[in-house]
């Protein structure tokens, strides 16, 4: 146990000043923690081998308005696995290096080719061009039936899944190259959102090694590539005589897919790229959990986490995020009403009559085979749930 008279030794830590507080990196495990200045001063005094009771008196003199409890802070450091020794006795921790190691083979020069100081300006320029295309040609606004380019439901869904998968991988490549532009490694994994949405996810943990301003482009990397793909698709539709062709149908699928993915990014109740960008711009890094505390007072179906507590200066941003949270839920409902539900109704309007047709009818087998990709998706979802639950248990 840690007492007021204890001397504690910490594992090697790297401390970086952030927007409002400090980011502390455990160089042994690769984990990061946000701490206010008073905690940083406490760590420095601990590293100077000063007993905890003296540290508390020193900090109380420096921070008279703070409720300084050095024993509680030392226990917190112990819970974080940052304490190596207490009074010369080694503290046993199972510390594994969680730092991602993947994609180091991608040269940093390739990342810097796409992501540099002018990239944010280029991104907003490309977004403006895409909006201009749709303003000039309103028929480019995607329709829920755009994915059904074949008479066969199976071929249409599989082809849409194939196109969507390519776009997702290109999106994640944007994040990967943005990280590689700073010579940072990363990993690519699979997870889910809202229990049913499968997503690839680039490990952005190493982004904490960078100053806040340089992290913005890392979170925008996927959207940057998405908007370029959308710009290419809309440019082809605008300038090429492809109306009524298969190429035009494929481009319409691309437009629809990126349109849905862009709306998804605005769903702030999930930790999307724009959510992390919002966190980084405001310097509030537990803003979702803190906002859920506020919303749970009026919306009982939202579970608040009593263990999270916002810093005083974050209250305004937390309330602002709570507004975005509600807007994000509304946007999702609109997406389901205008796109997802009509797509399912269309599918079932074709599927049920086909299942009732003779077994020799090709549409019957098309309906039967439609179950196959559905089962694959469910299997991957189950795998994602199991993997996610294992992490929570660990």
Protein backbone atom coordinates (compact mmCIF):
# COMPACT_ATOMS: atom_id res chain seq x y z
CA UNK A 1 0.00 0.00 0.00
CA UNK A 2 1.06 3.59 -0.64
CA UNK A 3 1.32 5.87 2.41
CA UNK A 4 2.08 9.57 2.83
CA UNK A 5 5.69 8.74 3.68
CA UNK A 6 6.22 6.45 0.69
CA UNK A 7 8.78 6.92 -2.04
CA UNK A 8 7.55 5.62 -5.38
CA UNK A 9 9.39 5.03 -8.63
CA UNK A 10 7.57 5.41 -11.94
CA UNK A 11 8.13 3.69 -15.25
CA UNK A 12 9.72 5.90 -17.96
CA UNK A 13 7.17 8.48 -19.08
CA UNK A 14 7.11 10.95 -21.95
CA UNK A 15 5.16 14.13 -21.23
CA UNK A 16 3.85 16.38 -24.02
CA UNK A 17 1.99 19.63 -23.57
CA UNK A 18 -1.42 19.60 -25.21
CA UNK A 19 -4.09 22.25 -25.80
CA UNK A 20 -5.41 22.43 -22.26
CA UNK A 21 -3.57 19.77 -20.32
CA UNK A 22 -0.76 17.30 -20.90
CA UNK A 23 -0.51 13.91 -22.63
CA UNK A 24 1.53 11.38 -20.66
CA UNK A 25 2.89 8.38 -22.57
CA UNK A 26 3.91 5.19 -20.84
CA UNK A 27 6.89 4.36 -23.05
CA UNK A 28 6.89 0.76 -21.84
CA UNK A 29 3.30 -0.10 -22.82
CA UNK A 30 2.58 2.62 -25.38
CA UNK A 31 -0.50 3.82 -23.47
CA UNK A 32 -1.47 7.49 -23.22
CA UNK A 33 -3.13 9.46 -20.41
CA UNK A 34 -4.44 13.03 -20.20
CA UNK A 35 -3.46 14.92 -17.03
CA UNK A 36 -3.69 18.53 -15.78
CA UNK A 37 -0.62 20.59 -14.87
CA UNK A 38 -0.83 19.82 -11.16
CA UNK A 39 -0.43 16.10 -11.94
CA UNK A 40 2.56 16.79 -14.16
CA UNK A 41 4.25 18.73 -11.37
CA UNK A 42 3.51 15.84 -9.03
CA UNK A 43 5.13 13.38 -11.44
CA UNK A 44 8.23 15.58 -11.72
CA UNK A 45 8.55 15.75 -7.93
CA UNK A 46 8.05 11.98 -7.67
CA UNK A 47 10.86 11.49 -10.17
CA UNK A 48 13.03 13.71 -7.95
CA UNK A 49 12.58 11.09 -5.22
CA UNK A 50 10.71 13.43 -2.88
CA UNK A 51 8.39 11.71 -0.32
CA UNK A 52 4.69 12.00 -1.02
CA UNK A 53 3.86 14.04 2.08
CA UNK A 54 6.34 16.72 1.07
CA UNK A 55 5.02 16.69 -2.50
CA UNK A 56 1.49 17.30 -1.21
CA UNK A 57 2.57 20.30 0.87
CA UNK A 58 4.53 21.74 -2.05
CA UNK A 59 1.61 21.38 -4.48
CA UNK A 60 -0.90 22.80 -1.99
CA UNK A 61 1.26 25.93 -1.80
CA UNK A 62 1.52 26.21 -5.59
CA UNK A 63 -2.14 25.33 -6.31
CA UNK A 64 -4.16 26.73 -3.37
CA UNK A 65 -7.43 26.44 -5.32
CA UNK A 66 -6.89 22.74 -6.11
CA UNK A 67 -7.93 19.88 -3.86
CA UNK A 68 -4.53 18.18 -3.74
CA UNK A 69 -4.61 14.58 -2.52
CA UNK A 70 -1.25 13.06 -3.40
CA UNK A 71 -2.11 9.64 -1.94
CA UNK A 72 -5.17 9.35 -4.16
CA UNK A 73 -3.12 10.43 -7.18
CA UNK A 74 -0.40 7.88 -6.36
CA UNK A 75 -3.06 5.15 -6.13
CA UNK A 76 -4.37 6.26 -9.52
CA UNK A 77 -0.88 6.01 -11.00
CA UNK A 78 -0.70 2.52 -9.51
CA UNK A 79 -4.03 1.58 -11.14
CA UNK A 80 -2.72 2.92 -14.48
CA UNK A 81 0.27 0.60 -14.15
CA UNK A 82 2.73 3.49 -14.04
CA UNK A 83 4.28 2.70 -10.64
CA UNK A 84 7.39 0.51 -10.85
CA UNK A 85 8.48 0.46 -7.20
CA UNK A 86 7.06 1.40 -3.79
CA UNK A 87 9.72 2.03 -1.13
CA UNK A 88 12.19 -0.06 -3.12
CA UNK A 89 9.79 -2.99 -3.56
CA UNK A 90 8.98 -3.85 -7.16
CA UNK A 91 5.33 -3.69 -8.17
CA UNK A 92 4.36 -6.56 -10.42
CA UNK A 93 2.50 -5.52 -13.55
CA UNK A 94 1.72 -7.46 -16.69
CA UNK A 95 2.77 -4.74 -19.10
CA UNK A 96 2.53 -5.51 -22.78
CA UNK A 97 3.62 -3.12 -25.51
CA UNK A 98 0.37 -2.02 -27.17
CA UNK A 99 2.06 0.27 -29.69
CA UNK A 100 0.95 -0.67 -33.23
CA UNK A 101 3.75 -1.94 -35.47
CA UNK A 102 2.07 -2.31 -38.87
CA UNK A 103 2.57 -0.58 -42.22
CA UNK A 104 6.11 0.53 -41.43
CA UNK A 105 7.01 -0.75 -44.89
CA UNK A 106 5.08 2.15 -46.46
CA UNK A 107 7.60 4.96 -47.07
CA UNK A 108 6.99 8.24 -45.24
CA UNK A 109 7.59 10.06 -48.55
CA UNK A 110 4.44 8.45 -49.98
CA UNK A 111 2.41 9.73 -47.05
CA UNK A 112 3.89 13.21 -47.40
CA UNK A 113 2.96 13.24 -51.11
CA UNK A 114 -0.73 13.12 -50.17
CA UNK A 115 -0.69 14.83 -46.77
CA UNK A 116 1.08 18.13 -46.30
CA UNK A 117 0.35 21.68 -45.17
CA UNK A 118 -1.92 22.39 -48.12
CA UNK A 119 -4.02 19.23 -47.75
CA UNK A 120 -6.73 20.80 -45.57
CA UNK A 121 -7.22 23.61 -48.10
CA UNK A 122 -7.38 21.05 -50.93
CA UNK A 123 -9.95 19.03 -48.97
CA UNK A 124 -12.29 22.01 -48.57
CA UNK A 125 -11.78 22.90 -52.23
CA UNK A 126 -12.73 19.37 -53.34
CA UNK A 127 -15.80 19.41 -51.05
CA UNK A 128 -16.85 22.76 -52.58
CA UNK A 129 -16.46 21.33 -56.11
CA UNK A 130 -18.57 18.27 -55.18
CA UNK A 131 -21.33 20.48 -53.77
CA UNK A 132 -21.16 22.63 -56.91
CA UNK A 133 -21.62 19.56 -59.14
CA UNK A 134 -24.73 18.50 -57.22
CA UNK A 135 -26.08 22.07 -57.20
CA UNK A 136 -25.74 22.22 -61.02
CA UNK A 137 -27.07 18.69 -61.51
CA UNK A 138 -29.61 17.83 -58.75
CA UNK A 139 -30.18 14.41 -60.37
CA UNK A 140 -26.76 13.44 -59.01
CA UNK A 141 -28.33 13.28 -55.54
CA UNK A 142 -28.27 9.51 -54.87
CA UNK A 143 -31.40 7.39 -54.90
CA UNK A 144 -31.90 4.31 -52.75
CA UNK A 145 -32.43 2.20 -55.89
CA UNK A 146 -29.00 3.06 -57.30
CA UNK A 147 -27.52 -0.14 -55.85
CA UNK A 148 -29.86 -2.38 -57.85
CA UNK A 149 -28.11 -2.28 -61.21
CA UNK A 150 -28.81 -5.94 -62.11
CA UNK A 151 -32.04 -7.92 -62.32
CA UNK A 152 -30.44 -10.31 -59.85
CA UNK A 153 -30.62 -9.16 -56.23
CA UNK A 154 -27.60 -11.28 -55.36
CA UNK A 155 -25.42 -9.74 -58.04
CA UNK A 156 -26.60 -6.23 -57.17
CA UNK A 157 -25.92 -6.61 -53.43
CA UNK A 158 -22.61 -8.41 -53.92
CA UNK A 159 -21.46 -5.80 -56.41
CA UNK A 160 -22.48 -2.99 -54.06
CA UNK A 161 -20.64 -4.72 -51.19
CA UNK A 162 -17.56 -5.07 -53.40
CA UNK A 163 -17.59 -1.37 -54.37
CA UNK A 164 -18.25 -0.35 -50.76
CA UNK A 165 -15.40 -2.54 -49.51
CA UNK A 166 -12.96 -0.94 -51.95
CA UNK A 167 -14.05 2.55 -50.86
CA UNK A 168 -13.71 1.60 -47.17
CA UNK A 169 -10.18 0.28 -47.75
CA UNK A 170 -9.25 3.46 -49.65
CA UNK A 171 -10.71 5.48 -46.75
CA UNK A 172 -8.55 3.62 -44.24
CA UNK A 173 -5.56 3.96 -46.56
CA UNK A 174 -6.03 7.71 -46.16
CA UNK A 175 -5.60 7.41 -42.40
CA UNK A 176 -2.65 5.05 -42.81
CA UNK A 177 -0.82 7.35 -45.23
CA UNK A 178 -1.55 10.38 -43.02
CA UNK A 179 0.15 8.54 -40.14
CA UNK A 180 3.03 7.39 -42.36
CA UNK A 181 3.57 11.02 -43.42
CA UNK A 182 4.81 11.47 -39.83
CA UNK A 183 6.65 8.12 -39.96
CA UNK A 184 4.22 6.62 -37.43
CA UNK A 185 3.19 2.93 -37.51
CA UNK A 186 -0.41 1.71 -37.25
CA UNK A 187 -2.63 -1.37 -37.47
CA UNK A 188 -5.86 -2.08 -39.35
CA UNK A 189 -8.64 -3.97 -37.58
CA UNK A 190 -12.36 -4.77 -37.81
CA UNK A 191 -14.97 -3.56 -35.34
CA UNK A 192 -18.66 -2.64 -35.36
CA UNK A 193 -20.88 0.36 -34.69
CA UNK A 194 -24.45 0.20 -33.34
CA UNK A 195 -23.98 -3.60 -33.10
CA UNK A 196 -24.79 -4.08 -36.81
CA UNK A 197 -22.46 -1.78 -38.77
CA UNK A 198 -19.17 -3.45 -39.64
CA UNK A 199 -16.28 -1.06 -40.08
CA UNK A 200 -12.55 -1.22 -40.62
CA UNK A 201 -10.63 0.85 -38.11
CA UNK A 202 -7.11 2.24 -38.29
CA UNK A 203 -5.31 2.35 -34.94
CA UNK A 204 -4.66 6.05 -34.34
CA UNK A 205 -2.97 5.65 -30.94
CA UNK A 206 0.40 6.86 -32.16
CA UNK A 207 -1.21 10.16 -33.19
CA UNK A 208 -0.81 11.25 -29.56
CA UNK A 209 2.91 11.59 -30.22
CA UNK A 210 2.13 14.65 -32.38
CA UNK A 211 1.09 18.18 -31.41
CA UNK A 212 -2.71 18.76 -31.54
CA UNK A 213 -2.53 20.85 -34.73
CA UNK A 214 -0.78 18.07 -36.63
CA UNK A 215 -3.32 15.46 -35.50
CA UNK A 216 -6.22 17.15 -37.34
CA UNK A 217 -5.17 15.92 -40.76
CA UNK A 218 -4.75 12.36 -39.45
CA UNK A 219 -8.44 12.27 -38.51
CA UNK A 220 -9.40 13.85 -41.85
CA UNK A 221 -7.27 11.44 -43.90
CA UNK A 222 -10.11 9.04 -44.71
CA UNK A 223 -12.58 11.79 -45.60
CA UNK A 224 -9.88 13.39 -47.77
CA UNK A 225 -9.66 10.26 -49.92
CA UNK A 226 -13.48 9.82 -49.91
CA UNK A 227 -14.03 13.29 -51.30
CA UNK A 228 -11.43 12.77 -54.00
CA UNK A 229 -13.19 9.57 -55.11
CA UNK A 230 -16.53 11.41 -55.10
CA UNK A 231 -15.02 14.27 -57.12
CA UNK A 232 -13.68 11.85 -59.74
CA UNK A 233 -17.06 10.06 -59.98
CA UNK A 234 -19.04 13.32 -60.33
CA UNK A 235 -16.54 14.72 -62.86
CA UNK A 236 -16.97 11.61 -65.03
CA UNK A 237 -20.76 11.82 -64.80
CA UNK A 238 -20.68 15.53 -65.66
CA UNK A 239 -18.28 15.49 -68.63
CA UNK A 240 -18.56 12.01 -70.17
CA UNK A 241 -21.49 10.92 -72.39
CA UNK A 242 -22.31 7.85 -70.26
CA UNK A 243 -26.01 8.31 -69.50
CA UNK A 244 -27.75 4.91 -69.51
CA UNK A 245 -24.49 2.93 -69.51
CA UNK A 246 -23.12 0.46 -66.97
CA UNK A 247 -20.31 2.91 -66.14
CA UNK A 248 -22.86 5.53 -65.14
CA UNK A 249 -24.61 2.98 -62.90
CA UNK A 250 -21.31 2.10 -61.21
CA UNK A 251 -20.51 5.77 -60.65
CA UNK A 252 -23.99 6.23 -59.13
CA UNK A 253 -23.22 3.42 -56.66
CA UNK A 254 -19.97 5.16 -55.72
CA UNK A 255 -21.80 8.47 -55.19
CA UNK A 256 -24.46 6.76 -53.05
CA UNK A 257 -21.91 4.89 -50.96
CA UNK A 258 -19.80 7.98 -50.21
CA UNK A 259 -22.95 10.01 -49.56
CA UNK A 260 -24.02 7.50 -46.89
CA UNK A 261 -20.52 7.31 -45.44
CA UNK A 262 -20.36 11.12 -45.22
CA UNK A 263 -23.65 11.19 -43.32
CA UNK A 264 -22.28 8.46 -41.06
CA UNK A 265 -19.31 10.69 -40.22
CA UNK A 266 -21.76 13.30 -38.90
CA UNK A 267 -23.22 10.82 -36.40
CA UNK A 268 -21.45 12.23 -33.36
CA UNK A 269 -23.04 9.73 -30.98
CA UNK A 270 -20.54 7.26 -32.43
CA UNK A 271 -16.80 7.80 -32.40
CA UNK A 272 -16.42 8.72 -36.06
CA UNK A 273 -13.54 10.59 -37.66
CA UNK A 274 -15.35 13.90 -37.22
CA UNK A 275 -15.95 13.08 -33.56
CA UNK A 276 -12.22 12.63 -32.99
CA UNK A 277 -11.57 15.83 -34.95
CA UNK A 278 -14.02 17.67 -32.68
CA UNK A 279 -12.26 16.27 -29.62
CA UNK A 280 -8.89 17.34 -30.97
CA UNK A 281 -10.02 20.86 -31.88
CA UNK A 282 -11.57 21.45 -28.47
CA UNK A 283 -8.95 19.58 -26.44
CA UNK A 284 -11.71 17.63 -24.62
CA UNK A 285 -10.87 13.93 -24.94
CA UNK A 286 -13.73 12.26 -23.04
CA UNK A 287 -16.44 14.45 -24.48
CA UNK A 288 -18.79 11.62 -25.50
CA UNK A 289 -18.85 10.08 -22.03
CA UNK A 290 -19.25 13.47 -20.34
CA UNK A 291 -22.07 14.49 -22.70
CA UNK A 292 -23.89 11.23 -22.04
CA UNK A 293 -23.90 12.26 -18.37
CA UNK A 294 -25.87 15.38 -19.33
CA UNK A 295 -28.21 13.69 -21.82
CA UNK A 296 -29.01 10.80 -19.47
CA UNK A 297 -30.86 13.27 -17.22
CA UNK A 298 -33.50 13.87 -19.91
CA UNK A 299 -33.16 10.77 -22.12
CA UNK A 300 -33.35 7.66 -19.91
CA UNK A 301 -32.32 5.30 -22.73
CA UNK A 302 -28.86 6.93 -22.77
CA UNK A 303 -26.60 5.45 -20.14
CA UNK A 304 -24.32 7.91 -18.38
CA UNK A 305 -20.99 6.88 -16.93
CA UNK A 306 -20.70 8.13 -13.37
CA UNK A 307 -16.95 7.45 -13.42
CA UNK A 308 -16.22 10.22 -15.91
CA UNK A 309 -15.95 13.85 -14.92
CA UNK A 310 -15.32 16.81 -17.18
CA UNK A 311 -12.74 19.46 -16.41
CA UNK A 312 -14.43 22.73 -15.48
CA UNK A 313 -13.33 24.54 -18.65
CA UNK A 314 -14.80 21.74 -20.80
CA UNK A 315 -18.42 22.27 -19.73
CA UNK A 316 -19.26 24.51 -22.71
CA UNK A 317 -17.86 22.03 -25.24
CA UNK A 318 -19.63 19.14 -23.53
CA UNK A 319 -22.98 20.92 -23.87
CA UNK A 320 -22.19 21.79 -27.50
CA UNK A 321 -21.36 18.15 -28.20
CA UNK A 322 -24.63 17.10 -26.56
CA UNK A 323 -26.43 19.16 -29.23
CA UNK A 324 -24.40 17.46 -31.98
CA UNK A 325 -25.22 14.14 -30.34
CA UNK A 326 -28.97 14.73 -30.74
CA UNK A 327 -28.50 16.02 -34.31
CA UNK A 328 -26.50 12.89 -35.15
CA UNK A 329 -29.32 10.64 -33.93
CA UNK A 330 -31.79 12.64 -36.06
CA UNK A 331 -29.54 12.32 -39.12
CA UNK A 332 -29.33 8.56 -38.63
CA UNK A 333 -33.11 8.28 -38.41
CA UNK A 334 -33.43 10.31 -41.62
CA UNK A 335 -30.91 8.02 -43.33
CA UNK A 336 -32.92 4.95 -42.31
CA UNK A 337 -36.23 6.51 -43.39
CA UNK A 338 -35.08 7.70 -46.82
CA UNK A 339 -32.51 5.06 -47.77
CA UNK A 340 -32.16 1.95 -45.61
CA UNK A 341 -35.86 1.12 -45.03
CA UNK A 342 -36.84 1.74 -48.71
CA UNK A 343 -33.95 -0.53 -49.79
CA UNK A 344 -35.14 -3.32 -47.51
CA UNK A 345 -38.73 -2.91 -48.67
CA UNK A 346 -37.59 -3.06 -52.29
CA UNK A 347 -35.53 -6.18 -51.59
CA UNK A 348 -38.42 -7.97 -49.90
CA UNK A 349 -40.82 -6.93 -52.66
CA UNK A 350 -38.56 -8.85 -55.06
CA UNK A 351 -37.48 -11.58 -52.68
CA UNK A 352 -40.83 -12.94 -51.45
CA UNK A 353 -42.42 -13.48 -54.91
CA UNK A 354 -39.17 -15.08 -56.12
CA UNK A 355 -39.17 -17.58 -53.24
CA UNK A 356 -42.71 -18.56 -54.17
CA UNK A 357 -41.80 -19.27 -57.81
CA UNK A 358 -40.94 -22.78 -59.14
CA UNK A 359 -37.51 -24.13 -58.18
CA UNK A 360 -36.47 -24.14 -61.81
CA UNK A 361 -36.97 -20.39 -62.03
CA UNK A 362 -33.64 -18.51 -61.91
CA UNK A 363 -35.22 -15.86 -59.65
CA UNK A 364 -35.97 -18.57 -57.07
CA UNK A 365 -32.30 -19.50 -56.86
CA UNK A 366 -31.37 -15.85 -56.87
CA UNK A 367 -33.54 -15.40 -53.78
CA UNK A 368 -32.04 -18.46 -52.10
CA UNK A 369 -28.50 -17.32 -52.84
CA UNK A 370 -29.33 -13.90 -51.44
CA UNK A 371 -29.20 -15.48 -47.99
CA UNK A 372 -25.48 -16.33 -48.42
CA UNK A 373 -23.96 -12.80 -48.15
CA UNK A 374 -26.40 -12.08 -45.32
CA UNK A 375 -25.04 -15.06 -43.40
CA UNK A 376 -21.45 -13.94 -44.09
CA UNK A 377 -22.19 -10.49 -42.71
CA UNK A 378 -23.83 -11.97 -39.61
CA UNK A 379 -20.86 -14.29 -39.06
CA UNK A 380 -18.39 -11.41 -39.22
CA UNK A 381 -20.63 -9.37 -36.91
CA UNK A 382 -20.67 -12.19 -34.35
CA UNK A 383 -16.87 -12.40 -34.59
CA UNK A 384 -16.64 -8.63 -34.05
CA UNK A 385 -18.96 -8.79 -31.01
CA UNK A 386 -16.98 -11.64 -29.45
CA UNK A 387 -13.68 -9.82 -30.04
CA UNK A 388 -15.08 -6.60 -28.58
CA UNK A 389 -16.44 -8.35 -25.48
CA UNK A 390 -13.13 -10.12 -24.91
CA UNK A 391 -11.35 -6.74 -24.88
CA UNK A 392 -13.82 -5.41 -22.30
CA UNK A 393 -13.25 -8.46 -20.07
CA UNK A 394 -9.46 -8.13 -20.38
